[in-house]
Amino acid sequence: VRHCRWVDEVVEDAPWVITKDFLDKHKIDYVAHDAAPYISGSSNDVYA
């Protein structure tokens, strides 16, 4: 992924569920994904 021309930064060992703390730590403005719920494990939507 690091060698893909569109990628500026890579976060290794990324969390399965994104939290506000993670967004703040990496100064992320937007998460790019579709709006459909992503059901995984005990979560009804990891992007909730």
All heavy atoms as atom14 arrays in JSON, in Angstrom:
{
  "sequence": "VRHCRWVDEVVEDAPWVITKDFLDKHKIDYVAHDAAPYISGSSNDVYA",
  "atom14_mask": [
    [1, 1, 1, 1, 1, 1, 1, 0, 0, 0, 0, 0, 0, 0],
    [1, 1, 1, 1, 1, 1, 1, 1, 1, 1, 1, 0, 0, 0],
    [1, 1, 1, 1, 1, 1, 1, 1, 1, 1, 0, 0, 0, 0],
    [1, 1, 1, 1, 1, 1, 0, 0, 0, 0, 0, 0, 0, 0],
    [1, 1, 1, 1, 1, 1, 1, 1, 1, 1, 1, 0, 0, 0],
    [1, 1, 1, 1, 1, 1, 1, 1, 1, 1, 1, 1, 1, 1],
    [1, 1, 1, 1, 1, 1, 1, 0, 0, 0, 0, 0, 0, 0],
    [1, 1, 1, 1, 1, 1, 1, 1, 0, 0, 0, 0, 0, 0],
    [1, 1, 1, 1, 1, 1, 1, 1, 1, 0, 0, 0, 0, 0],
    [1, 1, 1, 1, 1, 1, 1, 0, 0, 0, 0, 0, 0, 0],
    [1, 1, 1, 1, 1, 1, 1, 0, 0, 0, 0, 0, 0, 0],
    [1, 1, 1, 1, 1, 1, 1, 1, 1, 0, 0, 0, 0, 0],
    [1, 1, 1, 1, 1, 1, 1, 1, 0, 0, 0, 0, 0, 0],
    [1, 1, 1, 1, 1, 0, 0, 0, 0, 0, 0, 0, 0, 0],
    [1, 1, 1, 1, 1, 1, 1, 0, 0, 0, 0, 0, 0, 0],
    [1, 1, 1, 1, 1, 1, 1, 1, 1, 1, 1, 1, 1, 1],
    [1, 1, 1, 1, 1, 1, 1, 0, 0, 0, 0, 0, 0, 0],
    [1, 1, 1, 1, 1, 1, 1, 1, 0, 0, 0, 0, 0, 0],
    [1, 1, 1, 1, 1, 1, 1, 0, 0, 0, 0, 0, 0, 0],
    [1, 1, 1, 1, 1, 1, 1, 1, 1, 0, 0, 0, 0, 0],
    [1, 1, 1, 1, 1, 1, 1, 1, 0, 0, 0, 0, 0, 0],
    [1, 1, 1, 1, 1, 1, 1, 1, 1, 1, 1, 0, 0, 0],
    [1, 1, 1, 1, 1, 1, 1, 1, 0, 0, 0, 0, 0, 0],
    [1, 1, 1, 1, 1, 1, 1, 1, 0, 0, 0, 0, 0, 0],
    [1, 1, 1, 1, 1, 1, 1, 1, 1, 0, 0, 0, 0, 0],
    [1, 1, 1, 1, 1, 1, 1, 1, 1, 1, 0, 0, 0, 0],
    [1, 1, 1, 1, 1, 1, 1, 1, 1, 0, 0, 0, 0, 0],
    [1, 1, 1, 1, 1, 1, 1, 1, 0, 0, 0, 0, 0, 0],
    [1, 1, 1, 1, 1, 1, 1, 1, 0, 0, 0, 0, 0, 0],
    [1, 1, 1, 1, 1, 1, 1, 1, 1, 1, 1, 1, 0, 0],
    [1, 1, 1, 1, 1, 1, 1, 0, 0, 0, 0, 0, 0, 0],
    [1, 1, 1, 1, 1, 0, 0, 0, 0, 0, 0, 0, 0, 0],
    [1, 1, 1, 1, 1, 1, 1, 1, 1, 1, 0, 0, 0, 0],
    [1, 1, 1, 1, 1, 1, 1, 1, 0, 0, 0, 0, 0, 0],
    [1, 1, 1, 1, 1, 0, 0, 0, 0, 0, 0, 0, 0, 0],
    [1, 1, 1, 1, 1, 0, 0, 0, 0, 0, 0, 0, 0, 0],
    [1, 1, 1, 1, 1, 1, 1, 0, 0, 0, 0, 0, 0, 0],
    [1, 1, 1, 1, 1, 1, 1, 1, 1, 1, 1, 1, 0, 0],
    [1, 1, 1, 1, 1, 1, 1, 1, 0, 0, 0, 0, 0, 0],
    [1, 1, 1, 1, 1, 1, 0, 0, 0, 0, 0, 0, 0, 0],
    [1, 1, 1, 1, 0, 0, 0, 0, 0, 0, 0, 0, 0, 0],
    [1, 1, 1, 1, 1, 1, 0, 0, 0, 0, 0, 0, 0, 0],
    [1, 1, 1, 1, 1, 1, 0, 0, 0, 0, 0, 0, 0, 0],
    [1, 1, 1, 1, 1, 1, 1, 1, 0, 0, 0, 0, 0, 0],
    [1, 1, 1, 1, 1, 1, 1, 1, 0, 0, 0, 0, 0, 0],
    [1, 1, 1, 1, 1, 1, 1, 0, 0, 0, 0, 0, 0, 0],
    [1, 1, 1, 1, 1, 1, 1, 1, 1, 1, 1, 1, 0, 0],
    [1, 1, 1, 1, 1, 0, 0, 0, 0, 0, 0, 0, 0, 0]
  ],
  "atom14_positions": [
    [[0.83, -1.2, 0.0], [0.0, 0.0, 0.0], [0.86, 1.25, 0.0], [0.56, 2.23, -0.68], [-0.98, -0.02, 1.19], [-1.72, 1.3, 1.31], [-1.97, -1.17, 1.04], [0.0, 0.0, 0.0], [0.0, 0.0, 0.0], [0.0, 0.0, 0.0], [0.0, 0.0, 0.0], [0.0, 0.0, 0.0], [0.0, 0.0, 0.0], [0.0, 0.0, 0.0]],
    [[1.94, 1.24, 0.73], [2.84, 2.4, 0.8], [3.34, 2.81, -0.58], [3.6, 3.97, -0.83], [4.02, 2.06, 1.72], [4.87, 3.24, 2.09], [5.88, 2.89, 3.17], [5.26, 3.05, 4.48], [5.14, 2.09, 5.4], [5.62, 0.89, 5.18], [4.56, 2.33, 6.55], [0.0, 0.0, 0.0], [0.0, 0.0, 0.0], [0.0, 0.0, 0.0]],
    [[3.45, 1.85, -1.49], [3.94, 2.13, -2.83], [2.86, 2.53, -3.84], [3.16, 2.78, -5.0], [4.74, 0.93, -3.36], [6.08, 0.83, -2.71], [6.27, 0.2, -1.5], [7.28, 1.33, -3.05], [7.52, 0.29, -1.16], [8.17, 0.98, -2.07], [0.0, 0.0, 0.0], [0.0, 0.0, 0.0], [0.0, 0.0, 0.0], [0.0, 0.0, 0.0]],
    [[1.63, 2.61, -3.4], [0.55, 3.09, -4.27], [0.68, 4.6, -4.44], [0.86, 5.33, -3.46], [-0.81, 2.74, -3.66], [-2.21, 3.34, -4.6], [0.0, 0.0, 0.0], [0.0, 0.0, 0.0], [0.0, 0.0, 0.0], [0.0, 0.0, 0.0], [0.0, 0.0, 0.0], [0.0, 0.0, 0.0], [0.0, 0.0, 0.0], [0.0, 0.0, 0.0]],
    [[0.59, 5.07, -5.65], [0.81, 6.5, -5.94], [-0.17, 7.44, -5.24], [0.12, 8.62, -5.06], [0.79, 6.75, -7.44], [-0.6, 6.61, -8.05], [-0.64, 6.83, -9.52], [-0.33, 8.21, -9.81], [-0.35, 8.74, -11.01], [-0.66, 7.99, -12.04], [-0.08, 9.99, -11.2], [0.0, 0.0, 0.0], [0.0, 0.0, 0.0], [0.0, 0.0, 0.0]],
    [[-1.33, 6.96, -4.85], [-2.34, 7.82, -4.25], [-2.16, 7.98, -2.74], [-2.75, 8.85, -2.13], [-3.74, 7.27, -4.54], [-3.93, 6.98, -5.98], [-4.07, 5.75, -6.56], [-3.96, 7.92, -7.06], [-4.19, 5.88, -7.92], [-4.12, 7.2, -8.26], [-3.86, 9.32, -7.13], [-4.2, 7.8, -9.5], [-3.93, 9.92, -8.37], [-4.1, 9.17, -9.53]],
    [[-1.35, 7.14, -2.14], [-1.21, 7.09, -0.68], [-0.1, 8.03, -0.21], [1.03, 7.96, -0.69], [-0.93, 5.63, -0.23], [-0.68, 5.57, 1.27], [-2.08, 4.73, -0.64], [0.0, 0.0, 0.0], [0.0, 0.0, 0.0], [0.0, 0.0, 0.0], [0.0, 0.0, 0.0], [0.0, 0.0, 0.0], [0.0, 0.0, 0.0], [0.0, 0.0, 0.0]],
    [[-0.44, 8.88, 0.76], [0.55, 9.81, 1.33], [1.13, 9.29, 2.63], [2.3, 9.53, 2.92], [-0.1, 11.19, 1.56], [-0.57, 11.82, 0.26], [0.27, 12.02, -0.63], [-1.79, 12.08, 0.13], [0.0, 0.0, 0.0], [0.0, 0.0, 0.0], [0.0, 0.0, 0.0], [0.0, 0.0, 0.0], [0.0, 0.0, 0.0], [0.0, 0.0, 0.0]],
    [[0.33, 8.62, 3.44], [0.78, 8.1, 4.73], [0.14, 6.74, 4.97], [-0.98, 6.5, 4.53], [0.35, 9.03, 5.88], [0.92, 10.42, 5.82], [0.37, 11.33, 6.92], [-0.1, 10.8, 7.97], [0.39, 12.55, 6.72], [0.0, 0.0, 0.0], [0.0, 0.0, 0.0], [0.0, 0.0, 0.0], [0.0, 0.0, 0.0], [0.0, 0.0, 0.0]],
    [[0.87, 5.87, 5.68], [0.34, 4.57, 6.06], [0.35, 4.47, 7.58], [1.35, 4.81, 8.22], [1.17, 3.41, 5.44], [0.8, 2.07, 6.06], [0.96, 3.37, 3.93], [0.0, 0.0, 0.0], [0.0, 0.0, 0.0], [0.0, 0.0, 0.0], [0.0, 0.0, 0.0], [0.0, 0.0, 0.0], [0.0, 0.0, 0.0], [0.0, 0.0, 0.0]],
    [[-0.76, 4.03, 8.14], [-0.85, 3.75, 9.58], [-0.8, 2.24, 9.72], [-1.73, 1.54, 9.3], [-2.14, 4.32, 10.2], [-2.26, 3.91, 11.66], [-2.19, 5.83, 10.04], [0.0, 0.0, 0.0], [0.0, 0.0, 0.0], [0.0, 0.0, 0.0], [0.0, 0.0, 0.0], [0.0, 0.0, 0.0], [0.0, 0.0, 0.0], [0.0, 0.0, 0.0]],
    [[0.3, 1.74, 10.27], [0.44, 0.31, 10.5], [-0.32, -0.08, 11.75], [-0.48, 0.73, 12.67], [1.92, -0.06, 10.64], [2.72, 0.22, 9.38], [4.2, -0.13, 9.51], [4.61, -0.69, 10.56], [4.95, 0.16, 8.57], [0.0, 0.0, 0.0], [0.0, 0.0, 0.0], [0.0, 0.0, 0.0], [0.0, 0.0, 0.0], [0.0, 0.0, 0.0]],
    [[-0.78, -1.33, 11.8], [-1.53, -1.85, 12.94], [-2.73, -0.96, 13.26], [-2.96, -0.57, 14.4], [-0.61, -2.01, 14.16], [-1.26, -2.79, 15.29], [-2.27, -3.49, 15.03], [-0.78, -2.69, 16.43], [0.0, 0.0, 0.0], [0.0, 0.0, 0.0], [0.0, 0.0, 0.0], [0.0, 0.0, 0.0], [0.0, 0.0, 0.0], [0.0, 0.0, 0.0]],
    [[-3.48, -0.63, 12.21], [-4.67, 0.22, 12.37], [-5.73, -0.51, 13.18], [-5.84, -1.74, 13.12], [-5.22, 0.59, 10.99], [0.0, 0.0, 0.0], [0.0, 0.0, 0.0], [0.0, 0.0, 0.0], [0.0, 0.0, 0.0], [0.0, 0.0, 0.0], [0.0, 0.0, 0.0], [0.0, 0.0, 0.0], [0.0, 0.0, 0.0], [0.0, 0.0, 0.0]],
    [[-6.54, 0.24, 13.92], [-7.59, -0.41, 14.72], [-8.74, -0.9, 13.85], [-8.98, -0.37, 12.75], [-8.06, 0.73, 15.64], [-7.8, 1.97, 14.85], [-6.53, 1.69, 14.08], [0.0, 0.0, 0.0], [0.0, 0.0, 0.0], [0.0, 0.0, 0.0], [0.0, 0.0, 0.0], [0.0, 0.0, 0.0], [0.0, 0.0, 0.0], [0.0, 0.0, 0.0]],
    [[-9.43, -1.91, 14.33], [-10.59, -2.44, 13.61], [-11.75, -1.45, 13.67], [-12.46, -1.25, 12.71], [-10.99, -3.78, 14.21], [-11.98, -4.51, 13.38], [-13.32, -4.65, 13.61], [-11.73, -5.22, 12.16], [-13.91, -5.39, 12.62], [-12.94, -5.75, 11.72], [-10.57, -5.44, 11.42], [-13.04, -6.5, 10.55], [-10.67, -6.19, 10.26], [-11.9, -6.71, 9.83]],
    [[-11.92, -0.82, 14.83], [-12.98, 0.18, 15.02], [-12.32, 1.53, 15.23], [-11.45, 1.69, 16.1], [-13.87, -0.18, 16.24], [-14.91, 0.89, 16.48], [-14.53, -1.54, 16.04], [0.0, 0.0, 0.0], [0.0, 0.0, 0.0], [0.0, 0.0, 0.0], [0.0, 0.0, 0.0], [0.0, 0.0, 0.0], [0.0, 0.0, 0.0], [0.0, 0.0, 0.0]],
    [[-12.72, 2.5, 14.44], [-12.14, 3.84, 14.5], [-12.84, 4.64, 15.59], [-14.07, 4.7, 15.63], [-12.27, 4.55, 13.15], [-11.6, 3.72, 12.06], [-11.66, 5.94, 13.2], [-11.98, 4.15, 10.67], [0.0, 0.0, 0.0], [0.0, 0.0, 0.0], [0.0, 0.0, 0.0], [0.0, 0.0, 0.0], [0.0, 0.0, 0.0], [0.0, 0.0, 0.0]],
    [[-12.05, 5.28, 16.43], [-12.59, 6.09, 17.52], [-12.2, 7.56, 17.33], [-11.32, 7.88, 16.53], [-12.02, 5.62, 18.88], [-10.6, 5.83, 18.86], [-12.35, 4.15, 19.14], [0.0, 0.0, 0.0], [0.0, 0.0, 0.0], [0.0, 0.0, 0.0], [0.0, 0.0, 0.0], [0.0, 0.0, 0.0], [0.0, 0.0, 0.0], [0.0, 0.0, 0.0]],
    [[-12.84, 8.41, 18.11], [-12.49, 9.83, 18.08], [-11.03, 10.05, 18.46], [-10.35, 10.87, 17.85], [-13.4, 10.63, 19.0], [-13.12, 12.13, 18.96], [-14.08, 12.91, 19.78], [-13.88, 14.41, 19.72], [-12.59, 14.93, 19.4], [0.0, 0.0, 0.0], [0.0, 0.0, 0.0], [0.0, 0.0, 0.0], [0.0, 0.0, 0.0], [0.0, 0.0, 0.0]],
    [[-10.54, 9.3, 19.43], [-9.13, 9.42, 19.83], [-8.2, 9.11, 18.66], [-7.19, 9.8, 18.46], [-8.81, 8.48, 21.0], [-9.43, 8.95, 22.31], [-9.79, 10.14, 22.41], [-9.55, 8.12, 23.23], [0.0, 0.0, 0.0], [0.0, 0.0, 0.0], [0.0, 0.0, 0.0], [0.0, 0.0, 0.0], [0.0, 0.0, 0.0], [0.0, 0.0, 0.0]],
    [[-8.52, 8.08, 17.89], [-7.71, 7.72, 16.73], [-7.76, 8.85, 15.68], [-6.73, 9.24, 15.13], [-8.2, 6.41, 16.11], [-7.43, 5.99, 14.89], [-6.21, 5.34, 15.0], [-7.93, 6.23, 13.62], [-5.48, 4.97, 13.88], [-7.23, 5.85, 12.49], [-6.01, 5.22, 12.62], [0.0, 0.0, 0.0], [0.0, 0.0, 0.0], [0.0, 0.0, 0.0]],
    [[-8.95, 9.38, 15.42], [-9.09, 10.48, 14.46], [-8.28, 11.7, 14.92], [-7.58, 12.32, 14.11], [-10.56, 10.86, 14.3], [-11.49, 9.81, 13.71], [-12.93, 10.29, 13.76], [-11.09, 9.46, 12.28], [0.0, 0.0, 0.0], [0.0, 0.0, 0.0], [0.0, 0.0, 0.0], [0.0, 0.0, 0.0], [0.0, 0.0, 0.0], [0.0, 0.0, 0.0]],
    [[-8.36, 12.02, 16.19], [-7.62, 13.17, 16.73], [-6.11, 12.93, 16.65], [-5.36, 13.82, 16.26], [-8.02, 13.43, 18.18], [-9.44, 13.96, 18.32], [-10.02, 14.4, 17.3], [-9.96, 13.92, 19.45], [0.0, 0.0, 0.0], [0.0, 0.0, 0.0], [0.0, 0.0, 0.0], [0.0, 0.0, 0.0], [0.0, 0.0, 0.0], [0.0, 0.0, 0.0]],
    [[-5.65, 11.75, 17.03], [-4.22, 11.43, 17.02], [-3.61, 11.63, 15.63], [-2.5, 12.15, 15.5], [-4.01, 9.99, 17.48], [-2.56, 9.54, 17.42], [-2.4, 8.09, 17.85], [-0.97, 7.64, 17.71], [-0.8, 6.24, 18.09], [0.0, 0.0, 0.0], [0.0, 0.0, 0.0], [0.0, 0.0, 0.0], [0.0, 0.0, 0.0], [0.0, 0.0, 0.0]],
    [[-4.34, 11.24, 14.59], [-3.82, 11.32, 13.23], [-4.34, 12.54, 12.47], [-4.1, 12.67, 11.27], [-4.15, 10.03, 12.48], [-3.46, 8.84, 13.07], [-2.12, 8.58, 12.85], [-3.9, 7.88, 13.9], [-1.79, 7.48, 13.51], [-2.84, 7.05, 14.16], [0.0, 0.0, 0.0], [0.0, 0.0, 0.0], [0.0, 0.0, 0.0], [0.0, 0.0, 0.0]],
    [[-5.06, 13.41, 13.18], [-5.59, 14.66, 12.6], [-6.4, 14.38, 11.33], [-6.23, 15.03, 10.3], [-4.46, 15.64, 12.34], [-3.71, 16.04, 13.58], [-2.59, 17.02, 13.26], [-1.97, 17.57, 14.5], [-0.96, 16.78, 15.11], [0.0, 0.0, 0.0], [0.0, 0.0, 0.0], [0.0, 0.0, 0.0], [0.0, 0.0, 0.0], [0.0, 0.0, 0.0]],
    [[-7.3, 13.41, 11.42], [-8.11, 12.98, 10.29], [-9.39, 13.81, 10.23], [-10.1, 13.94, 11.23], [-8.44, 11.48, 10.41], [-7.15, 10.66, 10.32], [-9.46, 11.04, 9.37], [-7.28, 9.22, 10.75], [0.0, 0.0, 0.0], [0.0, 0.0, 0.0], [0.0, 0.0, 0.0], [0.0, 0.0, 0.0], [0.0, 0.0, 0.0], [0.0, 0.0, 0.0]],
    [[-9.67, 14.37, 9.05], [-10.88, 15.15, 8.85], [-12.06, 14.28, 8.42], [-13.18, 14.49, 8.87], [-10.65, 16.23, 7.78], [-9.6, 17.23, 8.2], [-9.72, 17.79, 9.3], [-8.63, 17.43, 7.43], [0.0, 0.0, 0.0], [0.0, 0.0, 0.0], [0.0, 0.0, 0.0], [0.0, 0.0, 0.0], [0.0, 0.0, 0.0], [0.0, 0.0, 0.0]],
    [[-11.78, 13.34, 7.52], [-12.85, 12.47, 6.99], [-12.37, 11.04, 6.87], [-11.2, 10.79, 6.58], [-13.29, 12.93, 5.6], [-14.02, 14.24, 5.58], [-13.39, 15.38, 5.12], [-15.33, 14.33, 6.02], [-14.05, 16.59, 5.09], [-16.0, 15.54, 6.0], [-15.36, 16.67, 5.54], [-16.0, 17.86, 5.52], [0.0, 0.0, 0.0], [0.0, 0.0, 0.0]],
    [[-13.29, 10.12, 7.05], [-13.05, 8.71, 6.79], [-13.79, 8.39, 5.5], [-14.98, 8.66, 5.36], [-13.58, 7.83, 7.95], [-13.45, 6.36, 7.59], [-12.82, 8.15, 9.23], [0.0, 0.0, 0.0], [0.0, 0.0, 0.0], [0.0, 0.0, 0.0], [0.0, 0.0, 0.0], [0.0, 0.0, 0.0], [0.0, 0.0, 0.0], [0.0, 0.0, 0.0]],
    [[-13.05, 7.85, 4.54], [-13.63, 7.52, 3.23], [-14.17, 6.09, 3.27], [-13.41, 5.14, 3.46], [-12.57, 7.65, 2.15], [0.0, 0.0, 0.0], [0.0, 0.0, 0.0], [0.0, 0.0, 0.0], [0.0, 0.0, 0.0], [0.0, 0.0, 0.0], [0.0, 0.0, 0.0], [0.0, 0.0, 0.0], [0.0, 0.0, 0.0], [0.0, 0.0, 0.0]],
    [[-15.46, 5.98, 3.13], [-16.12, 4.67, 3.12], [-17.52, 4.9, 2.59], [-17.97, 6.04, 2.49], [-16.17, 4.08, 4.54], [-16.32, 2.6, 4.55], [-17.53, 1.98, 4.54], [-15.39, 1.62, 4.56], [-17.36, 0.68, 4.54], [-16.06, 0.43, 4.55], [0.0, 0.0, 0.0], [0.0, 0.0, 0.0], [0.0, 0.0, 0.0], [0.0, 0.0, 0.0]],
    [[-18.2, 3.82, 2.26], [-19.59, 4.01, 1.88], [-20.43, 4.1, 3.15], [-19.94, 3.86, 4.25], [-20.07, 2.86, 0.97], [-19.93, 1.52, 1.64], [-20.75, 1.23, 2.53], [-19.02, 0.77, 1.28], [0.0, 0.0, 0.0], [0.0, 0.0, 0.0], [0.0, 0.0, 0.0], [0.0, 0.0, 0.0], [0.0, 0.0, 0.0], [0.0, 0.0, 0.0]],
    [[-21.69, 4.45, 3.01], [-22.53, 4.7, 4.18], [-23.17, 3.45, 4.76], [-23.72, 3.48, 5.85], [-23.63, 5.69, 3.8], [0.0, 0.0, 0.0], [0.0, 0.0, 0.0], [0.0, 0.0, 0.0], [0.0, 0.0, 0.0], [0.0, 0.0, 0.0], [0.0, 0.0, 0.0], [0.0, 0.0, 0.0], [0.0, 0.0, 0.0], [0.0, 0.0, 0.0]],
    [[-23.11, 2.34, 4.05], [-23.73, 1.11, 4.54], [-23.08, 0.66, 5.83], [-21.87, 0.78, 6.0], [-23.62, 0.01, 3.48], [0.0, 0.0, 0.0], [0.0, 0.0, 0.0], [0.0, 0.0, 0.0], [0.0, 0.0, 0.0], [0.0, 0.0, 0.0], [0.0, 0.0, 0.0], [0.0, 0.0, 0.0], [0.0, 0.0, 0.0], [0.0, 0.0, 0.0]],
    [[-23.86, 0.14, 6.76], [-23.27, -0.36, 8.01], [-22.29, -1.5, 7.74], [-22.54, -2.35, 6.89], [-24.48, -0.88, 8.8], [-25.66, -0.29, 8.15], [-25.3, -0.01, 6.72], [0.0, 0.0, 0.0], [0.0, 0.0, 0.0], [0.0, 0.0, 0.0], [0.0, 0.0, 0.0], [0.0, 0.0, 0.0], [0.0, 0.0, 0.0], [0.0, 0.0, 0.0]],
    [[-21.17, -1.49, 8.44], [-20.19, -2.57, 8.33], [-20.28, -3.38, 9.61], [-19.75, -3.0, 10.64], [-18.78, -2.0, 8.12], [-17.77, -3.07, 7.78], [-17.58, -3.48, 6.47], [-17.03, -3.69, 8.79], [-16.66, -4.47, 6.16], [-16.11, -4.67, 8.48], [-15.94, -5.06, 7.16], [-15.04, -6.05, 6.87], [0.0, 0.0, 0.0], [0.0, 0.0, 0.0]],
    [[-20.98, -4.48, 9.53], [-21.22, -5.34, 10.69], [-20.04, -6.29, 10.85], [-19.64, -6.96, 9.9], [-22.53, -6.13, 10.51], [-23.7, -5.16, 10.36], [-22.76, -7.08, 11.67], [-24.98, -5.77, 9.86], [0.0, 0.0, 0.0], [0.0, 0.0, 0.0], [0.0, 0.0, 0.0], [0.0, 0.0, 0.0], [0.0, 0.0, 0.0], [0.0, 0.0, 0.0]],
    [[-19.49, -6.33, 12.06], [-18.34, -7.18, 12.33], [-18.25, -7.49, 13.81], [-18.36, -6.58, 14.64], [-17.05, -6.5, 11.87], [-15.94, -7.29, 12.21], [0.0, 0.0, 0.0], [0.0, 0.0, 0.0], [0.0, 0.0, 0.0], [0.0, 0.0, 0.0], [0.0, 0.0, 0.0], [0.0, 0.0, 0.0], [0.0, 0.0, 0.0], [0.0, 0.0, 0.0]],
    [[-18.05, -8.74, 14.14], [-17.93, -9.13, 15.54], [-19.17, -8.75, 16.31], [-20.29, -9.04, 15.9], [0.0, 0.0, 0.0], [0.0, 0.0, 0.0], [0.0, 0.0, 0.0], [0.0, 0.0, 0.0], [0.0, 0.0, 0.0], [0.0, 0.0, 0.0], [0.0, 0.0, 0.0], [0.0, 0.0, 0.0], [0.0, 0.0, 0.0], [0.0, 0.0, 0.0]],
    [[-18.99, -8.04, 17.41], [-20.12, -7.63, 18.23], [-20.66, -6.25, 17.84], [-21.56, -5.74, 18.48], [-19.71, -7.63, 19.7], [-18.68, -6.68, 19.9], [0.0, 0.0, 0.0], [0.0, 0.0, 0.0], [0.0, 0.0, 0.0], [0.0, 0.0, 0.0], [0.0, 0.0, 0.0], [0.0, 0.0, 0.0], [0.0, 0.0, 0.0], [0.0, 0.0, 0.0]],
    [[-20.13, -5.66, 16.79], [-20.55, -4.32, 16.38], [-21.54, -4.38, 15.23], [-21.33, -5.09, 14.25], [-19.32, -3.5, 15.95], [-19.73, -2.24, 15.46], [0.0, 0.0, 0.0], [0.0, 0.0, 0.0], [0.0, 0.0, 0.0], [0.0, 0.0, 0.0], [0.0, 0.0, 0.0], [0.0, 0.0, 0.0], [0.0, 0.0, 0.0], [0.0, 0.0, 0.0]],
    [[-22.61, -3.61, 15.36], [-23.57, -3.5, 14.26], [-23.07, -2.58, 13.16], [-23.61, -2.58, 12.07], [-24.92, -3.0, 14.78], [-25.64, -4.06, 15.58], [-25.47, -5.26, 15.32], [-26.41, -3.63, 16.56], [0.0, 0.0, 0.0], [0.0, 0.0, 0.0], [0.0, 0.0, 0.0], [0.0, 0.0, 0.0], [0.0, 0.0, 0.0], [0.0, 0.0, 0.0]],
    [[-22.07, -1.77, 13.48], [-21.46, -0.88, 12.49], [-20.14, -0.34, 13.06], [-20.15, 0.49, 13.97], [-22.39, 0.27, 12.13], [-21.88, 1.12, 10.98], [-20.8, 0.83, 10.42], [-22.57, 2.09, 10.62], [0.0, 0.0, 0.0], [0.0, 0.0, 0.0], [0.0, 0.0, 0.0], [0.0, 0.0, 0.0], [0.0, 0.0, 0.0], [0.0, 0.0, 0.0]],
    [[-19.02, -0.81, 12.53], [-17.73, -0.36, 13.05], [-17.48, 1.12, 12.76], [-16.59, 1.72, 13.35], [-16.54, -1.22, 12.55], [-16.68, -2.67, 12.99], [-16.4, -1.13, 11.05], [0.0, 0.0, 0.0], [0.0, 0.0, 0.0], [0.0, 0.0, 0.0], [0.0, 0.0, 0.0], [0.0, 0.0, 0.0], [0.0, 0.0, 0.0], [0.0, 0.0, 0.0]],
    [[-18.27, 1.71, 11.86], [-18.12, 3.13, 11.54], [-19.17, 4.0, 12.25], [-19.33, 5.17, 11.93], [-18.2, 3.35, 10.03], [-17.04, 2.72, 9.3], [-17.17, 1.49, 8.66], [-15.79, 3.33, 9.27], [-16.09, 0.89, 8.02], [-14.71, 2.75, 8.63], [-14.87, 1.53, 8.01], [-13.8, 0.95, 7.38], [0.0, 0.0, 0.0], [0.0, 0.0, 0.0]],
    [[-19.88, 3.45, 13.22], [-20.95, 4.2, 13.91], [-20.43, 5.47, 14.58], [-21.05, 6.53, 14.46], [-21.63, 3.29, 14.94], [0.0, 0.0, 0.0], [0.0, 0.0, 0.0], [0.0, 0.0, 0.0], [0.0, 0.0, 0.0], [0.0, 0.0, 0.0], [0.0, 0.0, 0.0], [0.0, 0.0, 0.0], [0.0, 0.0, 0.0], [0.0, 0.0, 0.0]]
  ]
}
